[in-house]
PDB file of N, CA and C in Angstrom:
ATOM      1  N   MET A   1      34.952 236.754 119.661  1.00  0.00           N
ATOM      2  CA  MET A   1      34.772 237.799 118.673  1.00  0.00           C
ATOM      3  C   MET A   1      36.152 238.312 118.234  1.00  0.00           C
ATOM      4  N   GLU A   2      36.426 238.264 116.991  1.00  0.00           N
ATOM      5  CA  GLU A   2      37.714 238.704 116.426  1.00  0.00           C
ATOM      6  C   GLU A   2      37.660 240.207 116.227  1.00  0.00           C
ATOM      7  N   LYS A   3      38.703 240.890 116.777  1.00  0.00           N
ATOM      8  CA  LYS A   3      38.750 242.338 116.603  1.00  0.00           C
ATOM      9  C   LYS A   3      39.633 242.657 115.400  1.00  0.00           C
ATOM     10  N   ARG A   4      39.039 243.212 114.391  1.00  0.00           N
ATOM     11  CA  ARG A   4      39.746 243.522 113.132  1.00  0.00           C
ATOM     12  C   ARG A   4      39.539 244.986 112.835  1.00  0.00           C
ATOM     13  N   ILE A   5      40.518 245.583 112.194  1.00  0.00           N
ATOM     14  CA  ILE A   5      40.385 247.004 111.752  1.00  0.00           C
ATOM     15  C   ILE A   5      39.459 247.002 110.525  1.00  0.00           C
ATOM     16  N   PRO A   6      38.411 247.831 110.529  1.00  0.00           N
ATOM     17  CA  PRO A   6      37.522 247.922 109.377  1.00  0.00           C
ATOM     18  C   PRO A   6      38.209 248.342 108.145  1.00  0.00           C
ATOM     19  N   PRO A   7      37.895 247.772 107.008  1.00  0.00           N
ATOM     20  CA  PRO A   7      38.577 248.143 105.698  1.00  0.00           C
ATOM     21  C   PRO A   7      38.510 249.656 105.441  1.00  0.00           C
ATOM     22  N   SER A   8      37.398 250.296 105.853  1.00  0.00           N
ATOM     23  CA  SER A   8      37.281 251.711 105.606  1.00  0.00           C
ATOM     24  C   SER A   8      38.345 252.513 106.371  1.00  0.00           C
ATOM     25  N   TRP A   9      38.724 252.040 107.549  1.00  0.00           N
ATOM     26  CA  TRP A   9      39.782 252.718 108.339  1.00  0.00           C
ATOM     27  C   TRP A   9      41.134 252.584 107.605  1.00  0.00           C
ATOM     28  N   LEU A  10      41.393 251.410 107.088  1.00  0.00           N
ATOM     29  CA  LEU A  10      42.654 251.172 106.339  1.00  0.00           C
ATOM     30  C   LEU A  10      42.703 252.088 105.148  1.00  0.00           C
ATOM     31  N   LEU A  11      41.573 252.187 104.389  1.00  0.00           N
ATOM     32  CA  LEU A  11      41.518 253.098 103.238  1.00  0.00           C
ATOM     33  C   LEU A  11      41.778 254.539 103.631  1.00  0.00           C
ATOM     34  N   GLY A  12      41.059 254.959 104.740  1.00  0.00           N
ATOM     35  CA  GLY A  12      41.249 256.311 105.205  1.00  0.00           C
ATOM     36  C   GLY A  12      42.694 256.620 105.578  1.00  0.00           C
ATOM     37  N   ASP A  13      43.344 255.661 106.277  1.00  0.00           N
ATOM     38  CA  ASP A  13      44.759 255.855 106.633  1.00  0.00           C
ATOM     39  C   ASP A  13      45.631 255.958 105.395  1.00  0.00           C
ATOM     40  N   ALA A  14      45.344 255.204 104.345  1.00  0.00           N
ATOM     41  CA  ALA A  14      46.158 255.214 103.147  1.00  0.00           C
ATOM     42  C   ALA A  14      45.943 256.550 102.433  1.00  0.00           C
ATOM     43  N   VAL A  15      44.732 257.073 102.423  1.00  0.00           N
ATOM     44  CA  VAL A  15      44.445 258.336 101.758  1.00  0.00           C
ATOM     45  C   VAL A  15      45.151 259.475 102.527  1.00  0.00           C
ATOM     46  N   ILE A  16      45.121 259.447 103.843  1.00  0.00           N
ATOM     47  CA  ILE A  16      45.755 260.472 104.632  1.00  0.00           C
ATOM     48  C   ILE A  16      47.316 260.438 104.351  1.00  0.00           C
ATOM     49  N   ARG A  17      47.873 259.230 104.384  1.00  0.00           N
ATOM     50  CA  ARG A  17      49.330 259.116 104.118  1.00  0.00           C
ATOM     51  C   ARG A  17      49.716 259.606 102.724  1.00  0.00           C
ATOM     52  N   ALA A  18      48.788 259.477 101.772  1.00  0.00           N
ATOM     53  CA  ALA A  18      49.035 259.960 100.409  1.00  0.00           C
ATOM     54  C   ALA A  18      49.004 261.494 100.347  1.00  0.00           C
ATOM     55  N   GLY A  19      48.549 262.149 101.423  1.00  0.00           N
ATOM     56  CA  GLY A  19      48.529 263.593 101.466  1.00  0.00           C
ATOM     57  C   GLY A  19      47.252 264.209 100.950  1.00  0.00           C
ATOM     58  N   CYS A  20      46.227 263.399 100.719  1.00  0.00           N
ATOM     59  CA  CYS A  20      44.938 263.946 100.248  1.00  0.00           C
ATOM     60  C   CYS A  20      44.271 264.761 101.362  1.00  0.00           C
ATOM     61  N   THR A  21      43.561 265.805 100.978  1.00  0.00           N
ATOM     62  CA  THR A  21      42.889 266.669 101.988  1.00  0.00           C
ATOM     63  C   THR A  21      41.442 266.179 102.224  1.00  0.00           C
ATOM     64  N   GLY A  22      40.966 265.327 101.335  1.00  0.00           N
ATOM     65  CA  GLY A  22      39.572 264.871 101.520  1.00  0.00           C
ATOM     66  C   GLY A  22      39.239 263.737 100.608  1.00  0.00           C
ATOM     67  N   LEU A  23      38.058 263.205 100.779  1.00  0.00           N
ATOM     68  CA  LEU A  23      37.622 262.081 100.006  1.00  0.00           C
ATOM     69  C   LEU A  23      36.091 262.136  99.817  1.00  0.00           C
ATOM     70  N   LEU A  24      35.648 261.984  98.584  1.00  0.00           N
ATOM     71  CA  LEU A  24      34.220 261.911  98.284  1.00  0.00           C
ATOM     72  C   LEU A  24      33.864 260.427  98.057  1.00  0.00           C
ATOM     73  N   PHE A  25      32.725 260.002  98.578  1.00  0.00           N
ATOM     74  CA  PHE A  25      32.285 258.632  98.363  1.00  0.00           C
ATOM     75  C   PHE A  25      30.794 258.562  98.384  1.00  0.00           C
ATOM     76  N   PRO A  26      30.180 257.582  97.739  1.00  0.00           N
ATOM     77  CA  PRO A  26      28.750 257.451  97.646  1.00  0.00           C
ATOM     78  C   PRO A  26      28.083 257.164  99.023  1.00  0.00           C
ATOM     79  N   SER A  27      26.958 257.750  99.256  1.00  0.00           N
ATOM     80  CA  SER A  27      26.224 257.490 100.487  1.00  0.00           C
ATOM     81  C   SER A  27      25.533 256.176 100.451  1.00  0.00           C
ATOM     82  N   THR A  28      25.599 255.399 101.551  1.00  0.00           N
ATOM     83  CA  THR A  28      24.806 254.167 101.654  1.00  0.00           C
ATOM     84  C   THR A  28      23.469 254.425 102.239  1.00  0.00           C
ATOM     85  N   GLN A  29      23.240 255.614 102.880  1.00  0.00           N
ATOM     86  CA  GLN A  29      22.049 255.916 103.478  1.00  0.00           C
ATOM     87  C   GLN A  29      21.059 256.666 102.574  1.00  0.00           C
ATOM     88  N   HIS A  30      21.600 257.411 101.634  1.00  0.00           N
ATOM     89  CA  HIS A  30      20.754 258.249 100.739  1.00  0.00           C
ATOM     90  C   HIS A  30      21.187 257.923  99.323  1.00  0.00           C
ATOM     91  N   PRO A  31      20.399 257.086  98.626  1.00  0.00           N
ATOM     92  CA  PRO A  31      20.762 256.726  97.214  1.00  0.00           C
ATOM     93  C   PRO A  31      20.940 257.931  96.358  1.00  0.00           C
ATOM     94  N   GLY A  32      22.025 258.004  95.631  1.00  0.00           N
ATOM     95  CA  GLY A  32      22.340 259.131  94.785  1.00  0.00           C
ATOM     96  C   GLY A  32      23.102 260.243  95.524  1.00  0.00           C
ATOM     97  N   GLY A  33      23.210 260.074  96.861  1.00  0.00           N
ATOM     98  CA  GLY A  33      23.877 261.045  97.686  1.00  0.00           C
ATOM     99  C   GLY A  33      25.352 260.855  97.708  1.00  0.00           C
ATOM    100  N   THR A  34      26.097 261.857  98.150  1.00  0.00           N
ATOM    101  CA  THR A  34      27.536 261.831  98.238  1.00  0.00           C
ATOM    102  C   THR A  34      27.968 262.291  99.619  1.00  0.00           C
ATOM    103  N   ASN A  35      28.980 261.626 100.178  1.00  0.00           N
ATOM    104  CA  ASN A  35      29.561 262.037 101.444  1.00  0.00           C
ATOM    105  C   ASN A  35      30.936 262.661 101.190  1.00  0.00           C
ATOM    106  N   LEU A  36      31.319 263.565 102.058  1.00  0.00           N
ATOM    107  CA  LEU A  36      32.656 264.216 101.980  1.00  0.00           C
ATOM    108  C   LEU A  36      33.280 264.106 103.395  1.00  0.00           C
ATOM    109  N   VAL A  37      34.514 263.616 103.388  1.00  0.00           N
ATOM    110  CA  VAL A  37      35.309 263.614 104.632  1.00  0.00           C
ATOM    111  C   VAL A  37      36.504 264.460 104.365  1.00  0.00           C
ATOM    112  N   VAL A  38      36.818 265.351 105.300  1.00  0.00           N
ATOM    113  CA  VAL A  38      37.963 266.241 105.204  1.00  0.00           C
ATOM    114  C   VAL A  38      38.970 265.822 106.231  1.00  0.00           C
ATOM    115  N   PHE A  39      40.203 265.694 105.850  1.00  0.00           N
ATOM    116  CA  PHE A  39      41.320 265.322 106.750  1.00  0.00           C
ATOM    117  C   PHE A  39      42.008 266.605 107.182  1.00  0.00           C
ATOM    118  N   GLY A  40      41.526 267.131 108.285  1.00  0.00           N
ATOM    119  CA  GLY A  40      42.068 268.413 108.790  1.00  0.00           C
ATOM    120  C   GLY A  40      43.567 268.440 108.961  1.00  0.00           C
ATOM    121  N   SER A  41      44.137 267.306 109.344  1.00  0.00           N
ATOM    122  CA  SER A  41      45.594 267.268 109.558  1.00  0.00           C
ATOM    123  C   SER A  41      46.356 267.484 108.238  1.00  0.00           C
ATOM    124  N   ASN A  42      45.715 267.307 107.082  1.00  0.00           N
ATOM    125  CA  ASN A  42      46.371 267.474 105.818  1.00  0.00           C
ATOM    126  C   ASN A  42      46.052 268.852 105.188  1.00  0.00           C
ATOM    127  N   LEU A  43      45.251 269.692 105.831  1.00  0.00           N
ATOM    128  CA  LEU A  43      44.976 271.021 105.295  1.00  0.00           C
ATOM    129  C   LEU A  43      46.178 271.885 105.537  1.00  0.00           C
ATOM    130  N   THR A  44      46.309 272.840 104.589  1.00  0.00           N
ATOM    131  CA  THR A  44      47.452 273.781 104.692  1.00  0.00           C
ATOM    132  C   THR A  44      46.861 275.156 104.765  1.00  0.00           C
ATOM    133  N   GLY A  45      47.759 276.152 104.927  1.00  0.00           N
ATOM    134  CA  GLY A  45      47.270 277.554 104.992  1.00  0.00           C
ATOM    135  C   GLY A  45      46.642 278.068 103.673  1.00  0.00           C
ATOM    136  N   VAL A  46      46.900 277.400 102.568  1.00  0.00           N
ATOM    137  CA  VAL A  46      46.316 277.832 101.299  1.00  0.00           C
ATOM    138  C   VAL A  46      44.978 277.139 101.005  1.00  0.00           C
ATOM    139  N   ASP A  47      44.604 276.141 101.827  1.00  0.00           N
ATOM    140  CA  ASP A  47      43.365 275.418 101.590  1.00  0.00           C
ATOM    141  C   ASP A  47      42.212 276.231 102.174  1.00  0.00           C
ATOM    142  N   SER A  48      41.042 276.109 101.595  1.00  0.00           N
ATOM    143  CA  SER A  48      39.834 276.742 102.126  1.00  0.00           C
ATOM    144  C   SER A  48      38.648 275.867 101.893  1.00  0.00           C
ATOM    145  N   LEU A  49      37.654 275.989 102.715  1.00  0.00           N
ATOM    146  CA  LEU A  49      36.414 275.240 102.596  1.00  0.00           C
ATOM    147  C   LEU A  49      35.264 276.202 102.493  1.00  0.00           C
ATOM    148  N   ALA A  50      34.315 275.910 101.675  1.00  0.00           N
ATOM    149  CA  ALA A  50      33.134 276.682 101.566  1.00  0.00           C
ATOM    150  C   ALA A  50      31.944 275.775 101.354  1.00  0.00           C
ATOM    151  N   GLY A  51      30.862 276.076 102.022  1.00  0.00           N
ATOM    152  CA  GLY A  51      29.664 275.222 101.916  1.00  0.00           C
ATOM    153  C   GLY A  51      28.923 275.505 100.607  1.00  0.00           C
ATOM    154  N   HIS A  52      28.390 274.525 100.032  1.00  0.00           N
ATOM    155  CA  HIS A  52      27.579 274.608  98.807  1.00  0.00           C
ATOM    156  C   HIS A  52      26.145 274.218  99.200  1.00  0.00           C
ATOM    157  N   ASP A  53      25.244 275.104  99.322  1.00  0.00           N
ATOM    158  CA  ASP A  53      23.900 274.814  99.841  1.00  0.00           C
ATOM    159  C   ASP A  53      22.827 275.527  99.006  1.00  0.00           C
ATOM    160  N   PRO A  54      22.677 275.100  97.754  1.00  0.00           N
ATOM    161  CA  PRO A  54      21.741 275.782  96.843  1.00  0.00           C
ATOM    162  C   PRO A  54      20.286 275.694  97.337  1.00  0.00           C
ATOM    163  N   ASP A  55      19.929 274.719  98.141  1.00  0.00           N
ATOM    164  CA  ASP A  55      18.585 274.551  98.661  1.00  0.00           C
ATOM    165  C   ASP A  55      18.313 275.169 100.009  1.00  0.00           C
ATOM    166  N   GLY A  56      19.387 275.762 100.588  1.00  0.00           N
ATOM    167  CA  GLY A  56      19.204 276.444 101.918  1.00  0.00           C
ATOM    168  C   GLY A  56      18.927 275.451 103.035  1.00  0.00           C
ATOM    169  N   ARG A  57      19.512 274.265 103.000  1.00  0.00           N
ATOM    170  CA  ARG A  57      19.293 273.269 104.062  1.00  0.00           C
ATOM    171  C   ARG A  57      20.246 273.361 105.222  1.00  0.00           C
ATOM    172  N   LEU A  58      21.403 274.013 105.054  1.00  0.00           N
ATOM    173  CA  LEU A  58      22.307 274.095 106.123  1.00  0.00           C
ATOM    174  C   LEU A  58      21.997 275.221 107.096  1.00  0.00           C
ATOM    175  N   PRO A  59      22.400 275.114 108.364  1.00  0.00           N
ATOM    176  CA  PRO A  59      22.145 276.209 109.336  1.00  0.00           C
ATOM    177  C   PRO A  59      22.811 277.488 108.865  1.00  0.00           C
ATOM    178  N   MET A  60      22.154 278.584 109.187  1.00  0.00           N
ATOM    179  CA  MET A  60      22.675 279.926 108.774  1.00  0.00           C
ATOM    180  C   MET A  60      23.740 280.479 109.707  1.00  0.00           C
ATOM    181  N   ASP A  61      23.751 280.077 110.971  1.00  0.00           N
ATOM    182  CA  ASP A  61      24.723 280.565 111.904  1.00  0.00           C
ATOM    183  C   ASP A  61      25.028 279.520 113.001  1.00  0.00           C
ATOM    184  N   ALA A  62      25.949 279.832 113.895  1.00  0.00           N
ATOM    185  CA  ALA A  62      26.373 278.892 114.922  1.00  0.00           C
ATOM    186  C   ALA A  62      25.282 278.484 115.861  1.00  0.00           C
ATOM    187  N   ARG A  63      24.228 279.334 116.022  1.00  0.00           N
ATOM    188  CA  ARG A  63      23.160 278.992 116.942  1.00  0.00           C
ATOM    189  C   ARG A  63      22.387 277.763 116.431  1.00  0.00           C
ATOM    190  N   SER A  64      22.467 277.437 115.207  1.00  0.00           N
ATOM    191  CA  SER A  64      21.743 276.282 114.678  1.00  0.00           C
ATOM    192  C   SER A  64      22.479 274.949 114.923  1.00  0.00           C
ATOM    193  N   TRP A  65      23.763 275.004 115.294  1.00  0.00           N
ATOM    194  CA  TRP A  65      24.522 273.754 115.483  1.00  0.00           C
ATOM    195  C   TRP A  65      24.509 273.441 117.032  1.00  0.00           C
ATOM    196  N   PRO A  66      24.102 272.219 117.353  1.00  0.00           N
ATOM    197  CA  PRO A  66      24.164 271.835 118.798  1.00  0.00           C
ATOM    198  C   PRO A  66      25.559 271.823 119.353  1.00  0.00           C
ATOM    199  N   SER A  67      25.615 272.178 120.606  1.00  0.00           N
ATOM    200  CA  SER A  67      26.983 272.140 121.234  1.00  0.00           C
ATOM    201  C   SER A  67      27.206 270.745 121.830  1.00  0.00           C
ATOM    202  N   ALA A  68      28.457 270.328 121.845  1.00  0.00           N
ATOM    203  CA  ALA A  68      28.814 268.961 122.316  1.00  0.00           C
ATOM    204  C   ALA A  68      28.796 268.909 123.828  1.00  0.00           C
TER     205      ALA A  68
END
């Protein structure tokens, strides 16, 4: 078995090196859906994130998120 770096990892590394804070890409699991990846190492003190949940699908507080 040949061990190769997946193309998506190479793309991610290139985006991080370019200084991007995130990347949007189409979902392969949910047709018409979109995924977001945020590169925390590229965030600065002026960056902020806010959830957009018009249908109320996201958990309302930390109790809704399972602990690792």
